[in-house]
Amino acid sequence: MAATITRYTFRFSPPLLAFGVMLIGFGVLLGPVFLVVGGVIFVIGIATWLIDDARAYASAPEPTDGAHH
């Protein structure tokens, strides 16, 4: 059920996370500027992922298959 809620909601988050990790990796080799910029982009990627997931969860219909909480 959770897979149908969040199946196609993440558009820019995984590339942002990958780019942030790449810059952090280069920052280890080249300098602290890349570490800081990569860390900021990484945090923005995680935030957009969580926001997209929360929006998808809020707009998802209630299950009607007899699930009880």
C-alpha atoms as a PDB file:
ATOM      1  CA  MET A   1       0.000   0.000   0.000  1.00  0.00           C
ATOM      2  CA  ALA A   2       2.798   2.451   0.829  1.00  0.00           C
ATOM      3  CA  ALA A   3       4.453   1.775  -2.520  1.00  0.00           C
ATOM      4  CA  THR A   4       1.415   3.118  -4.362  1.00  0.00           C
ATOM      5  CA  ILE A   5       1.425   6.315  -2.328  1.00  0.00           C
ATOM      6  CA  THR A   6       5.019   7.301  -3.063  1.00  0.00           C
ATOM      7  CA  ARG A   7       5.596   5.614  -6.410  1.00  0.00           C
ATOM      8  CA  TYR A   8       6.129   8.607  -8.703  1.00  0.00           C
ATOM      9  CA  THR A   9       6.289  11.592  -6.366  1.00  0.00           C
ATOM     10  CA  PHE A  10      10.066  12.034  -6.172  1.00  0.00           C
ATOM     11  CA  ARG A  11      11.221  14.077  -9.114  1.00  0.00           C
ATOM     12  CA  PHE A  12      14.259  16.117  -8.149  1.00  0.00           C
ATOM     13  CA  SER A  13      15.214  14.642  -4.799  1.00  0.00           C
ATOM     14  CA  PRO A  14      17.346  11.646  -5.862  1.00  0.00           C
ATOM     15  CA  PRO A  15      19.438  13.693  -8.323  1.00  0.00           C
ATOM     16  CA  LEU A  16      19.915  16.382  -5.672  1.00  0.00           C
ATOM     17  CA  LEU A  17      21.041  13.783  -3.168  1.00  0.00           C
ATOM     18  CA  ALA A  18      23.437  12.228  -5.679  1.00  0.00           C
ATOM     19  CA  PHE A  19      24.883  15.616  -6.631  1.00  0.00           C
ATOM     20  CA  GLY A  20      25.334  16.542  -2.971  1.00  0.00           C
ATOM     21  CA  VAL A  21      27.110  13.263  -2.220  1.00  0.00           C
ATOM     22  CA  MET A  22      29.328  13.752  -5.269  1.00  0.00           C
ATOM     23  CA  LEU A  23      30.316  17.234  -4.096  1.00  0.00           C
ATOM     24  CA  ILE A  24      31.001  15.924  -0.590  1.00  0.00           C
ATOM     25  CA  GLY A  25      33.247  13.267  -2.136  1.00  0.00           C
ATOM     26  CA  PHE A  26      35.128  15.898  -4.118  1.00  0.00           C
ATOM     27  CA  GLY A  27      35.306  18.019  -0.993  1.00  0.00           C
ATOM     28  CA  VAL A  28      37.271  15.305   0.764  1.00  0.00           C
ATOM     29  CA  LEU A  29      39.825  15.498  -2.031  1.00  0.00           C
ATOM     30  CA  LEU A  30      39.771  19.149  -3.076  1.00  0.00           C
ATOM     31  CA  GLY A  31      38.745  21.329  -0.159  1.00  0.00           C
ATOM     32  CA  PRO A  32      36.201  22.426   2.406  1.00  0.00           C
ATOM     33  CA  VAL A  33      34.192  24.577  -0.002  1.00  0.00           C
ATOM     34  CA  PHE A  34      32.937  21.462  -1.792  1.00  0.00           C
ATOM     35  CA  LEU A  35      32.153  19.846   1.561  1.00  0.00           C
ATOM     36  CA  VAL A  36      29.973  22.757   2.632  1.00  0.00           C
ATOM     37  CA  VAL A  37      28.196  23.165  -0.715  1.00  0.00           C
ATOM     38  CA  GLY A  38      27.677  19.400  -1.002  1.00  0.00           C
ATOM     39  CA  GLY A  39      26.309  19.227   2.537  1.00  0.00           C
ATOM     40  CA  VAL A  40      23.848  22.039   1.860  1.00  0.00           C
ATOM     41  CA  ILE A  41      22.644  20.431  -1.382  1.00  0.00           C
ATOM     42  CA  PHE A  42      22.361  17.071   0.392  1.00  0.00           C
ATOM     43  CA  VAL A  43      20.160  18.568   3.133  1.00  0.00           C
ATOM     44  CA  ILE A  44      17.988  20.318   0.526  1.00  0.00           C
ATOM     45  CA  GLY A  45      17.599  16.978  -1.296  1.00  0.00           C
ATOM     46  CA  ILE A  46      16.460  15.212   1.870  1.00  0.00           C
ATOM     47  CA  ALA A  47      14.054  18.058   2.695  1.00  0.00           C
ATOM     48  CA  THR A  48      12.458  17.984  -0.756  1.00  0.00           C
ATOM     49  CA  TRP A  49      12.141  14.210  -0.546  1.00  0.00           C
ATOM     50  CA  LEU A  50      10.325  14.425   2.803  1.00  0.00           C
ATOM     51  CA  ILE A  51       8.084  17.274   1.640  1.00  0.00           C
ATOM     52  CA  ASP A  52       7.119  15.374  -1.530  1.00  0.00           C
ATOM     53  CA  ASP A  53       6.410  12.241   0.482  1.00  0.00           C
ATOM     54  CA  ALA A  54       4.281  14.152   2.994  1.00  0.00           C
ATOM     55  CA  ARG A  55       2.264  15.761   0.192  1.00  0.00           C
ATOM     56  CA  ALA A  56       1.677  12.395  -1.469  1.00  0.00           C
ATOM     57  CA  TYR A  57       0.621  10.855   1.841  1.00  0.00           C
ATOM     58  CA  ALA A  58      -1.758  13.732   2.593  1.00  0.00           C
ATOM     59  CA  SER A  59      -3.397  13.527  -0.820  1.00  0.00           C
ATOM     60  CA  ALA A  60      -3.702   9.726  -0.860  1.00  0.00           C
ATOM     61  CA  PRO A  61      -7.194   8.293  -0.446  1.00  0.00           C
ATOM     62  CA  GLU A  62      -8.132   6.285   2.608  1.00  0.00           C
ATOM     63  CA  PRO A  63      -7.847   2.522   2.152  1.00  0.00           C
ATOM     64  CA  THR A  64     -11.201   0.839   1.688  1.00  0.00           C
ATOM     65  CA  ASP A  65     -10.074  -2.778   1.794  1.00  0.00           C
ATOM     66  CA  GLY A  66     -11.145  -3.382   5.389  1.00  0.00           C
ATOM     67  CA  ALA A  67      -7.917  -2.312   7.108  1.00  0.00           C
ATOM     68  CA  HIS A  68      -8.370  -1.491  10.769  1.00  0.00           C
ATOM     69  CA  HIS A  69      -6.086   0.574  12.949  1.00  0.00           C
END
